[in-house]
């Protein structure tokens, strides 16, 4: 929650509009941060440039991939990755409509050539949550596998990989972290975790198995909803149909929160005060 634009002409409303467009278009965190750095005077090592004689030490609770600490809060004290995408290319790829002053900053943006002066340490990250979930599953008697390669896929592909690894694998539990890319299509309430649970529920409706899926954000807030996520199993769709709910309509409206609210299958923790990305846990009967 820190920002200062590269131009005093850029207003708070401009920043809010740009951020809303970026987080709802389905872009990866690296792509989002590439654009954010283009119109910020403090992100991408910008804070360091305002304190050239200071020696900085940064403590990080990471909501990005391991090794990508420069993306946390868009890296106010860290040098951006050398392989970062160009902001203008990201805007073009996702056909983003950004405020005029934001677009001017994006077009004029140049790569940072100043290395950050200091060091950092990661206190917590997504691996912390994933490892804790795996250890708990094993302690409860489940055989468990961590799906390190199921992390940032487009959400439909990610859900398919989650289920196929569980149903075709040898373990009773699979754990996955990261953040699926999930473009917003409708005006409903929800986020990528609620949509993950809904997509898995639709897929499980055609499977003869005993499987339960949990998908939740470690910050306790999924998208524009007050829930952290939801749980789903092979009975979810039938129970929804008994209430007259059409799962595909809720999916198309990006309204997975309302769907699971009707079923009383939400995970509601309230804001947790931290964020180490998402956590997905799938269990099947032995």
C-alpha atoms as a PDB file:
ATOM      1  CA  UNK A   1       0.000   0.000   0.000  1.00  0.00           C
ATOM      2  CA  UNK A   2       2.587   2.504  -1.143  1.00  0.00           C
ATOM      3  CA  UNK A   3       2.537   4.591  -4.291  1.00  0.00           C
ATOM      4  CA  UNK A   4       3.656   7.904  -5.725  1.00  0.00           C
ATOM      5  CA  UNK A   5       3.165   8.520  -9.440  1.00  0.00           C
ATOM      6  CA  UNK A   6       5.918   9.657 -11.798  1.00  0.00           C
ATOM      7  CA  UNK A   7       3.894  12.778 -12.567  1.00  0.00           C
ATOM      8  CA  UNK A   8       1.912  15.004 -10.219  1.00  0.00           C
ATOM      9  CA  UNK A   9      -0.723  15.184 -12.954  1.00  0.00           C
ATOM     10  CA  UNK A  10      -1.621  11.529 -12.363  1.00  0.00           C
ATOM     11  CA  UNK A  11      -4.502  11.451  -9.885  1.00  0.00           C
ATOM     12  CA  UNK A  12      -5.558   8.890  -7.303  1.00  0.00           C
ATOM     13  CA  UNK A  13      -8.537   8.070  -9.535  1.00  0.00           C
ATOM     14  CA  UNK A  14      -6.101   7.351 -12.405  1.00  0.00           C
ATOM     15  CA  UNK A  15      -4.102   4.990 -10.189  1.00  0.00           C
ATOM     16  CA  UNK A  16      -7.255   3.219  -9.009  1.00  0.00           C
ATOM     17  CA  UNK A  17      -8.566   2.773 -12.552  1.00  0.00           C
ATOM     18  CA  UNK A  18      -5.227   1.426 -13.772  1.00  0.00           C
ATOM     19  CA  UNK A  19      -4.947  -1.024 -10.895  1.00  0.00           C
ATOM     20  CA  UNK A  20      -8.501  -2.312 -11.405  1.00  0.00           C
ATOM     21  CA  UNK A  21      -7.812  -2.924 -15.096  1.00  0.00           C
ATOM     22  CA  UNK A  22      -4.528  -4.691 -14.363  1.00  0.00           C
ATOM     23  CA  UNK A  23      -5.772  -7.103 -11.701  1.00  0.00           C
ATOM     24  CA  UNK A  24      -8.903  -8.121 -13.634  1.00  0.00           C
ATOM     25  CA  UNK A  25      -7.416  -8.746 -17.099  1.00  0.00           C
ATOM     26  CA  UNK A  26      -5.792 -12.106 -16.362  1.00  0.00           C
ATOM     27  CA  UNK A  27      -2.180 -10.898 -16.571  1.00  0.00           C
ATOM     28  CA  UNK A  28       0.568 -12.576 -14.547  1.00  0.00           C
ATOM     29  CA  UNK A  29       2.105 -10.802 -11.560  1.00  0.00           C
ATOM     30  CA  UNK A  30       5.261 -10.106 -13.617  1.00  0.00           C
ATOM     31  CA  UNK A  31       3.173  -8.442 -16.314  1.00  0.00           C
ATOM     32  CA  UNK A  32       1.113  -6.445 -13.813  1.00  0.00           C
ATOM     33  CA  UNK A  33       4.250  -5.182 -12.097  1.00  0.00           C
ATOM     34  CA  UNK A  34       5.877  -4.219 -15.390  1.00  0.00           C
ATOM     35  CA  UNK A  35       3.024  -1.784 -16.010  1.00  0.00           C
ATOM     36  CA  UNK A  36       2.851  -0.582 -12.403  1.00  0.00           C
ATOM     37  CA  UNK A  37       6.559   0.322 -12.432  1.00  0.00           C
ATOM     38  CA  UNK A  38       6.081   2.390 -15.584  1.00  0.00           C
ATOM     39  CA  UNK A  39       3.917   5.013 -13.851  1.00  0.00           C
ATOM     40  CA  UNK A  40       5.409   4.811 -10.356  1.00  0.00           C
ATOM     41  CA  UNK A  41       8.172   6.891  -8.785  1.00  0.00           C
ATOM     42  CA  UNK A  42       8.687   4.415  -5.919  1.00  0.00           C
ATOM     43  CA  UNK A  43       8.173   0.922  -7.364  1.00  0.00           C
ATOM     44  CA  UNK A  44      10.891  -1.017  -9.180  1.00  0.00           C
ATOM     45  CA  UNK A  45      13.647   0.340  -6.937  1.00  0.00           C
ATOM     46  CA  UNK A  46      12.274   3.881  -7.083  1.00  0.00           C
ATOM     47  CA  UNK A  47      12.280   4.278  -3.314  1.00  0.00           C
ATOM     48  CA  UNK A  48      16.005   3.486  -3.336  1.00  0.00           C
ATOM     49  CA  UNK A  49      16.687   6.248  -5.860  1.00  0.00           C
ATOM     50  CA  UNK A  50      15.070   8.748  -3.470  1.00  0.00           C
ATOM     51  CA  UNK A  51      17.512   7.742  -0.724  1.00  0.00           C
ATOM     52  CA  UNK A  52      20.846   7.347  -2.558  1.00  0.00           C
ATOM     53  CA  UNK A  53      23.023   7.448   0.573  1.00  0.00           C
ATOM     54  CA  UNK A  54      20.943   5.016   2.598  1.00  0.00           C
ATOM     55  CA  UNK A  55      21.905   1.386   3.049  1.00  0.00           C
ATOM     56  CA  UNK A  56      18.703  -0.633   2.858  1.00  0.00           C
ATOM     57  CA  UNK A  57      17.731  -3.976   4.381  1.00  0.00           C
ATOM     58  CA  UNK A  58      14.341  -5.314   3.314  1.00  0.00           C
ATOM     59  CA  UNK A  59      12.237  -7.871   5.203  1.00  0.00           C
ATOM     60  CA  UNK A  60       9.790  -9.607   2.861  1.00  0.00           C
ATOM     61  CA  UNK A  61       6.566 -11.554   3.315  1.00  0.00           C
ATOM     62  CA  UNK A  62       6.302 -12.741  -0.269  1.00  0.00           C
ATOM     63  CA  UNK A  63       3.119 -13.069  -2.314  1.00  0.00           C
ATOM     64  CA  UNK A  64       5.117 -13.977  -5.441  1.00  0.00           C
ATOM     65  CA  UNK A  65       7.031 -16.992  -6.722  1.00  0.00           C
ATOM     66  CA  UNK A  66      10.217 -18.088  -4.932  1.00  0.00           C
ATOM     67  CA  UNK A  67      13.149 -16.093  -6.297  1.00  0.00           C
ATOM     68  CA  UNK A  68      10.887 -13.297  -7.538  1.00  0.00           C
ATOM     69  CA  UNK A  69      11.123 -11.050  -4.488  1.00  0.00           C
ATOM     70  CA  UNK A  70      11.450  -7.962  -6.720  1.00  0.00           C
ATOM     71  CA  UNK A  71       7.772  -8.381  -7.558  1.00  0.00           C
ATOM     72  CA  UNK A  72       6.602  -8.082  -3.931  1.00  0.00           C
ATOM     73  CA  UNK A  73       4.865  -4.693  -3.699  1.00  0.00           C
ATOM     74  CA  UNK A  74       6.458  -4.129  -7.129  1.00  0.00           C
ATOM     75  CA  UNK A  75       9.867  -3.966  -5.427  1.00  0.00           C
ATOM     76  CA  UNK A  76      10.260  -0.424  -4.033  1.00  0.00           C
ATOM     77  CA  UNK A  77      13.766  -1.280  -2.762  1.00  0.00           C
ATOM     78  CA  UNK A  78      14.784  -3.979  -5.269  1.00  0.00           C
ATOM     79  CA  UNK A  79      16.076  -3.858  -8.835  1.00  0.00           C
ATOM     80  CA  UNK A  80      13.490  -5.129 -11.362  1.00  0.00           C
ATOM     81  CA  UNK A  81      14.264  -8.463 -13.067  1.00  0.00           C
ATOM     82  CA  UNK A  82      16.281  -8.045 -16.266  1.00  0.00           C
ATOM     83  CA  UNK A  83      13.838 -10.232 -18.197  1.00  0.00           C
ATOM     84  CA  UNK A  84      10.740  -8.234 -17.218  1.00  0.00           C
ATOM     85  CA  UNK A  85       8.242  -7.679 -20.044  1.00  0.00           C
ATOM     86  CA  UNK A  86       7.839  -4.191 -21.472  1.00  0.00           C
ATOM     87  CA  UNK A  87       4.893  -2.299 -20.042  1.00  0.00           C
ATOM     88  CA  UNK A  88       3.628  -1.218 -23.460  1.00  0.00           C
ATOM     89  CA  UNK A  89       3.665  -4.840 -24.672  1.00  0.00           C
ATOM     90  CA  UNK A  90       1.544  -5.928 -21.712  1.00  0.00           C
ATOM     91  CA  UNK A  91      -0.975  -3.176 -22.398  1.00  0.00           C
ATOM     92  CA  UNK A  92      -1.204  -4.285 -26.032  1.00  0.00           C
ATOM     93  CA  UNK A  93      -1.448  -7.991 -25.221  1.00  0.00           C
ATOM     94  CA  UNK A  94      -4.428  -7.562 -22.899  1.00  0.00           C
ATOM     95  CA  UNK A  95      -5.935  -4.631 -24.822  1.00  0.00           C
ATOM     96  CA  UNK A  96      -6.010  -2.568 -21.649  1.00  0.00           C
ATOM     97  CA  UNK A  97      -7.869   0.725 -21.556  1.00  0.00           C
ATOM     98  CA  UNK A  98      -5.907   2.886 -19.121  1.00  0.00           C
ATOM     99  CA  UNK A  99      -6.275   6.597 -18.225  1.00  0.00           C
ATOM    100  CA  UNK A 100      -4.550   8.935 -20.689  1.00  0.00           C
ATOM    101  CA  UNK A 101      -1.893  10.132 -18.218  1.00  0.00           C
ATOM    102  CA  UNK A 102      -1.096   6.548 -17.232  1.00  0.00           C
ATOM    103  CA  UNK A 103      -0.718   5.630 -20.901  1.00  0.00           C
ATOM    104  CA  UNK A 104       1.629   8.558 -21.456  1.00  0.00           C
ATOM    105  CA  UNK A 105       3.833   7.305 -18.620  1.00  0.00           C
ATOM    106  CA  UNK A 106       3.769   3.782 -20.046  1.00  0.00           C
ATOM    107  CA  UNK A 107       4.863   4.990 -23.484  1.00  0.00           C
ATOM    108  CA  UNK A 108       7.671   7.073 -21.989  1.00  0.00           C
ATOM    109  CA  UNK A 109       8.892   4.409 -19.553  1.00  0.00           C
ATOM    110  CA  UNK A 110      12.555   3.382 -19.714  1.00  0.00           C
ATOM    111  CA  UNK A 111      14.211   0.402 -17.999  1.00  0.00           C
ATOM    112  CA  UNK A 112      15.870   1.182 -14.668  1.00  0.00           C
ATOM    113  CA  UNK A 113      19.660   1.195 -14.805  1.00  0.00           C
ATOM    114  CA  UNK A 114      20.217   1.873 -11.098  1.00  0.00           C
ATOM    115  CA  UNK A 115      20.993  -1.137  -8.915  1.00  0.00           C
ATOM    116  CA  UNK A 116      19.399  -1.157  -5.488  1.00  0.00           C
ATOM    117  CA  UNK A 117      21.834  -0.578  -2.623  1.00  0.00           C
ATOM    118  CA  UNK A 118      21.181  -3.156   0.062  1.00  0.00           C
ATOM    119  CA  UNK A 119      20.023  -6.682   0.750  1.00  0.00           C
ATOM    120  CA  UNK A 120      16.868  -8.544   1.697  1.00  0.00           C
ATOM    121  CA  UNK A 121      15.587 -11.660   3.433  1.00  0.00           C
ATOM    122  CA  UNK A 122      12.338 -13.577   2.859  1.00  0.00           C
ATOM    123  CA  UNK A 123      10.504 -14.260   6.125  1.00  0.00           C
ATOM    124  CA  UNK A 124       7.506 -16.121   4.672  1.00  0.00           C
ATOM    125  CA  UNK A 125       6.399 -17.160   1.200  1.00  0.00           C
ATOM    126  CA  UNK A 126       4.002 -19.501  -0.587  1.00  0.00           C
ATOM    127  CA  UNK A 127       6.260 -22.475   0.134  1.00  0.00           C
ATOM    128  CA  UNK A 128       5.678 -21.822   3.841  1.00  0.00           C
ATOM    129  CA  UNK A 129       1.929 -22.409   3.420  1.00  0.00           C
ATOM    130  CA  UNK A 130       2.275 -25.299   0.959  1.00  0.00           C
ATOM    131  CA  UNK A 131       4.786 -27.129   3.167  1.00  0.00           C
ATOM    132  CA  UNK A 132       2.618 -26.649   6.261  1.00  0.00           C
ATOM    133  CA  UNK A 133      -0.406 -28.069   4.415  1.00  0.00           C
ATOM    134  CA  UNK A 134       1.592 -31.066   3.173  1.00  0.00           C
ATOM    135  CA  UNK A 135       2.979 -31.783   6.634  1.00  0.00           C
ATOM    136  CA  UNK A 136      -0.499 -31.602   8.174  1.00  0.00           C
ATOM    137  CA  UNK A 137      -1.927 -33.960   5.549  1.00  0.00           C
ATOM    138  CA  UNK A 138       0.812 -36.496   6.267  1.00  0.00           C
ATOM    139  CA  UNK A 139       0.276 -36.121  10.025  1.00  0.00           C
ATOM    140  CA  UNK A 140      -3.415 -36.925   9.456  1.00  0.00           C
ATOM    141  CA  UNK A 141      -2.476 -40.116   7.633  1.00  0.00           C
ATOM    142  CA  UNK A 142      -2.856 -39.046   3.994  1.00  0.00           C
ATOM    143  CA  UNK A 143      -0.257 -39.758   1.350  1.00  0.00           C
ATOM    144  CA  UNK A 144       0.466 -36.359  -0.176  1.00  0.00           C
ATOM    145  CA  UNK A 145       2.176 -34.802  -3.188  1.00  0.00           C
ATOM    146  CA  UNK A 146       3.032 -31.131  -3.771  1.00  0.00           C
ATOM    147  CA  UNK A 147       2.325 -29.937  -7.322  1.00  0.00           C
ATOM    148  CA  UNK A 148       5.080 -27.370  -7.742  1.00  0.00           C
ATOM    149  CA  UNK A 149       4.405 -27.080 -11.487  1.00  0.00           C
ATOM    150  CA  UNK A 150       0.696 -26.235 -11.018  1.00  0.00           C
ATOM    151  CA  UNK A 151       1.077 -22.615  -9.999  1.00  0.00           C
ATOM    152  CA  UNK A 152       0.289 -19.840 -12.515  1.00  0.00           C
ATOM    153  CA  UNK A 153      -1.611 -21.499 -15.353  1.00  0.00           C
ATOM    154  CA  UNK A 154      -4.751 -20.040 -16.910  1.00  0.00           C
ATOM    155  CA  UNK A 155      -7.467 -21.070 -14.492  1.00  0.00           C
ATOM    156  CA  UNK A 156      -9.211 -23.641 -16.724  1.00  0.00           C
ATOM    157  CA  UNK A 157      -5.920 -25.404 -17.428  1.00  0.00           C
ATOM    158  CA  UNK A 158      -4.884 -25.225 -13.778  1.00  0.00           C
ATOM    159  CA  UNK A 159      -8.120 -26.842 -12.552  1.00  0.00           C
ATOM    160  CA  UNK A 160      -7.756 -29.640 -15.087  1.00  0.00           C
ATOM    161  CA  UNK A 161      -4.187 -30.301 -13.935  1.00  0.00           C
ATOM    162  CA  UNK A 162      -5.204 -30.343 -10.277  1.00  0.00           C
ATOM    163  CA  UNK A 163      -7.899 -32.957 -10.815  1.00  0.00           C
ATOM    164  CA  UNK A 164      -5.936 -35.118 -13.240  1.00  0.00           C
ATOM    165  CA  UNK A 165      -2.970 -35.266 -10.852  1.00  0.00           C
ATOM    166  CA  UNK A 166      -5.229 -36.387  -8.015  1.00  0.00           C
ATOM    167  CA  UNK A 167      -7.425 -38.814  -9.940  1.00  0.00           C
ATOM    168  CA  UNK A 168      -4.603 -40.379 -11.951  1.00  0.00           C
ATOM    169  CA  UNK A 169      -1.943 -40.251  -9.258  1.00  0.00           C
ATOM    170  CA  UNK A 170      -1.085 -42.560  -6.415  1.00  0.00           C
ATOM    171  CA  UNK A 171      -1.603 -40.179  -3.499  1.00  0.00           C
ATOM    172  CA  UNK A 172      -4.741 -39.335  -1.558  1.00  0.00           C
ATOM    173  CA  UNK A 173      -3.891 -35.633  -1.302  1.00  0.00           C
ATOM    174  CA  UNK A 174      -2.351 -33.038  -3.587  1.00  0.00           C
ATOM    175  CA  UNK A 175      -1.344 -29.515  -2.555  1.00  0.00           C
ATOM    176  CA  UNK A 176      -0.768 -26.596  -4.913  1.00  0.00           C
ATOM    177  CA  UNK A 177       0.120 -22.944  -4.413  1.00  0.00           C
ATOM    178  CA  UNK A 178       0.612 -19.844  -6.540  1.00  0.00           C
ATOM    179  CA  UNK A 179      -2.067 -17.865  -8.357  1.00  0.00           C
ATOM    180  CA  UNK A 180      -3.963 -18.972 -11.456  1.00  0.00           C
ATOM    181  CA  UNK A 181      -4.588 -16.243 -14.033  1.00  0.00           C
ATOM    182  CA  UNK A 182      -8.306 -15.507 -13.963  1.00  0.00           C
ATOM    183  CA  UNK A 183      -9.786 -12.772 -16.168  1.00  0.00           C
ATOM    184  CA  UNK A 184     -13.016 -11.203 -14.941  1.00  0.00           C
ATOM    185  CA  UNK A 185     -15.850 -11.673 -17.425  1.00  0.00           C
ATOM    186  CA  UNK A 186     -18.939 -10.537 -15.532  1.00  0.00           C
ATOM    187  CA  UNK A 187     -20.082  -8.166 -12.797  1.00  0.00           C
ATOM    188  CA  UNK A 188     -20.500 -10.747 -10.047  1.00  0.00           C
ATOM    189  CA  UNK A 189     -18.570 -11.301  -6.826  1.00  0.00           C
ATOM    190  CA  UNK A 190     -15.668 -13.652  -6.385  1.00  0.00           C
ATOM    191  CA  UNK A 191     -12.075 -14.287  -7.335  1.00  0.00           C
ATOM    192  CA  UNK A 192      -9.750 -16.961  -8.669  1.00  0.00           C
ATOM    193  CA  UNK A 193     -10.101 -19.228  -5.615  1.00  0.00           C
ATOM    194  CA  UNK A 194     -13.879 -19.271  -5.680  1.00  0.00           C
ATOM    195  CA  UNK A 195     -13.777 -19.796  -9.435  1.00  0.00           C
ATOM    196  CA  UNK A 196     -11.269 -22.633  -8.998  1.00  0.00           C
ATOM    197  CA  UNK A 197     -13.648 -24.374  -6.606  1.00  0.00           C
ATOM    198  CA  UNK A 198     -16.573 -23.832  -8.986  1.00  0.00           C
ATOM    199  CA  UNK A 199     -14.712 -25.139 -12.023  1.00  0.00           C
ATOM    200  CA  UNK A 200     -13.591 -28.197 -10.092  1.00  0.00           C
ATOM    201  CA  UNK A 201     -17.164 -28.801  -8.904  1.00  0.00           C
ATOM    202  CA  UNK A 202     -18.416 -28.764 -12.505  1.00  0.00           C
ATOM    203  CA  UNK A 203     -15.710 -31.242 -13.540  1.00  0.00           C
ATOM    204  CA  UNK A 204     -16.363 -33.530 -10.561  1.00  0.00           C
ATOM    205  CA  UNK A 205     -20.083 -33.751 -11.316  1.00  0.00           C
ATOM    206  CA  UNK A 206     -19.222 -36.236 -14.087  1.00  0.00           C
ATOM    207  CA  UNK A 207     -16.792 -38.283 -11.981  1.00  0.00           C
ATOM    208  CA  UNK A 208     -17.713 -41.263  -9.822  1.00  0.00           C
ATOM    209  CA  UNK A 209     -15.311 -40.563  -6.994  1.00  0.00           C
ATOM    210  CA  UNK A 210     -15.130 -39.167  -3.492  1.00  0.00           C
ATOM    211  CA  UNK A 211     -13.096 -35.969  -3.867  1.00  0.00           C
ATOM    212  CA  UNK A 212     -13.112 -32.662  -2.014  1.00  0.00           C
ATOM    213  CA  UNK A 213     -11.397 -29.488  -3.196  1.00  0.00           C
ATOM    214  CA  UNK A 214     -10.393 -26.476  -1.091  1.00  0.00           C
ATOM    215  CA  UNK A 215      -9.129 -23.300  -2.734  1.00  0.00           C
ATOM    216  CA  UNK A 216      -8.476 -20.181  -0.671  1.00  0.00           C
ATOM    217  CA  UNK A 217      -6.387 -17.020  -0.515  1.00  0.00           C
ATOM    218  CA  UNK A 218      -4.053 -16.780   2.467  1.00  0.00           C
ATOM    219  CA  UNK A 219      -4.991 -13.112   2.873  1.00  0.00           C
ATOM    220  CA  UNK A 220      -8.581 -14.143   3.635  1.00  0.00           C
ATOM    221  CA  UNK A 221     -10.016 -12.111   0.733  1.00  0.00           C
ATOM    222  CA  UNK A 222     -10.730 -13.557  -2.699  1.00  0.00           C
ATOM    223  CA  UNK A 223     -11.255 -10.990  -5.446  1.00  0.00           C
ATOM    224  CA  UNK A 224     -14.064  -8.569  -4.619  1.00  0.00           C
ATOM    225  CA  UNK A 225     -15.717 -10.946  -2.148  1.00  0.00           C
ATOM    226  CA  UNK A 226     -15.554 -11.160   1.667  1.00  0.00           C
ATOM    227  CA  UNK A 227     -14.631 -14.869   1.498  1.00  0.00           C
ATOM    228  CA  UNK A 228     -11.199 -16.469   1.327  1.00  0.00           C
ATOM    229  CA  UNK A 229     -12.458 -19.198  -1.015  1.00  0.00           C
ATOM    230  CA  UNK A 230     -14.688 -22.268  -0.966  1.00  0.00           C
ATOM    231  CA  UNK A 231     -14.852 -26.055  -0.831  1.00  0.00           C
ATOM    232  CA  UNK A 232     -16.431 -28.295  -3.477  1.00  0.00           C
ATOM    233  CA  UNK A 233     -16.957 -32.014  -4.055  1.00  0.00           C
ATOM    234  CA  UNK A 234     -18.789 -34.376  -6.404  1.00  0.00           C
ATOM    235  CA  UNK A 235     -22.135 -33.473  -4.779  1.00  0.00           C
ATOM    236  CA  UNK A 236     -21.826 -29.700  -5.254  1.00  0.00           C
ATOM    237  CA  UNK A 237     -23.493 -29.428  -8.646  1.00  0.00           C
ATOM    238  CA  UNK A 238     -26.388 -31.740  -7.745  1.00  0.00           C
ATOM    239  CA  UNK A 239     -27.038 -29.788  -4.552  1.00  0.00           C
ATOM    240  CA  UNK A 240     -26.954 -26.572  -6.592  1.00  0.00           C
ATOM    241  CA  UNK A 241     -29.413 -27.961  -9.117  1.00  0.00           C
ATOM    242  CA  UNK A 242     -31.745 -28.901  -6.262  1.00  0.00           C
ATOM    243  CA  UNK A 243     -31.790 -25.190  -5.410  1.00  0.00           C
ATOM    244  CA  UNK A 244     -32.351 -24.159  -9.027  1.00  0.00           C
ATOM    245  CA  UNK A 245     -28.802 -22.863  -9.489  1.00  0.00           C
ATOM    246  CA  UNK A 246     -27.031 -23.119 -12.855  1.00  0.00           C
ATOM    247  CA  UNK A 247     -23.294 -23.357 -12.171  1.00  0.00           C
ATOM    248  CA  UNK A 248     -22.286 -22.331 -15.692  1.00  0.00           C
ATOM    249  CA  UNK A 249     -24.321 -19.139 -15.472  1.00  0.00           C
ATOM    250  CA  UNK A 250     -22.562 -18.168 -12.238  1.00  0.00           C
ATOM    251  CA  UNK A 251     -19.222 -18.994 -13.862  1.00  0.00           C
ATOM    252  CA  UNK A 252     -19.965 -16.793 -16.883  1.00  0.00           C
ATOM    253  CA  UNK A 253     -20.990 -13.915 -14.597  1.00  0.00           C
ATOM    254  CA  UNK A 254     -17.837 -14.197 -12.432  1.00  0.00           C
ATOM    255  CA  UNK A 255     -20.241 -14.699  -9.541  1.00  0.00           C
ATOM    256  CA  UNK A 256     -18.820 -17.767  -7.830  1.00  0.00           C
ATOM    257  CA  UNK A 257     -19.176 -16.131  -4.406  1.00  0.00           C
ATOM    258  CA  UNK A 258     -22.976 -16.001  -4.671  1.00  0.00           C
ATOM    259  CA  UNK A 259     -23.049 -19.606  -5.909  1.00  0.00           C
ATOM    260  CA  UNK A 260     -21.172 -20.967  -2.895  1.00  0.00           C
ATOM    261  CA  UNK A 261     -22.959 -18.618  -0.516  1.00  0.00           C
ATOM    262  CA  UNK A 262     -26.256 -20.268  -1.490  1.00  0.00           C
ATOM    263  CA  UNK A 263     -24.718 -23.681  -0.780  1.00  0.00           C
ATOM    264  CA  UNK A 264     -23.131 -22.571   2.519  1.00  0.00           C
ATOM    265  CA  UNK A 265     -19.759 -23.833   1.253  1.00  0.00           C
ATOM    266  CA  UNK A 266     -17.746 -20.619   1.591  1.00  0.00           C
ATOM    267  CA  UNK A 267     -14.509 -20.365   3.552  1.00  0.00           C
ATOM    268  CA  UNK A 268     -14.772 -17.118   5.527  1.00  0.00           C
ATOM    269  CA  UNK A 269     -11.831 -16.225   7.760  1.00  0.00           C
ATOM    270  CA  UNK A 270     -11.846 -12.458   7.525  1.00  0.00           C
ATOM    271  CA  UNK A 271      -8.647 -10.610   6.584  1.00  0.00           C
ATOM    272  CA  UNK A 272      -5.676 -12.575   7.948  1.00  0.00           C
ATOM    273  CA  UNK A 273      -3.229  -9.668   7.969  1.00  0.00           C
ATOM    274  CA  UNK A 274      -0.764 -11.429   5.705  1.00  0.00           C
ATOM    275  CA  UNK A 275      -0.541 -12.762   2.158  1.00  0.00           C
ATOM    276  CA  UNK A 276       1.579 -15.603   0.809  1.00  0.00           C
ATOM    277  CA  UNK A 277      -0.549 -16.301  -2.279  1.00  0.00           C
ATOM    278  CA  UNK A 278      -3.200 -18.997  -2.696  1.00  0.00           C
ATOM    279  CA  UNK A 279      -3.448 -22.510  -1.327  1.00  0.00           C
ATOM    280  CA  UNK A 280      -5.287 -25.394  -2.993  1.00  0.00           C
ATOM    281  CA  UNK A 281      -5.790 -28.757  -1.265  1.00  0.00           C
ATOM    282  CA  UNK A 282      -7.494 -31.769  -2.882  1.00  0.00           C
ATOM    283  CA  UNK A 283      -8.371 -35.001  -1.059  1.00  0.00           C
ATOM    284  CA  UNK A 284      -9.818 -38.273  -2.314  1.00  0.00           C
ATOM    285  CA  UNK A 285     -11.054 -41.280  -0.443  1.00  0.00           C
ATOM    286  CA  UNK A 286      -8.475 -44.090  -0.183  1.00  0.00           C
END
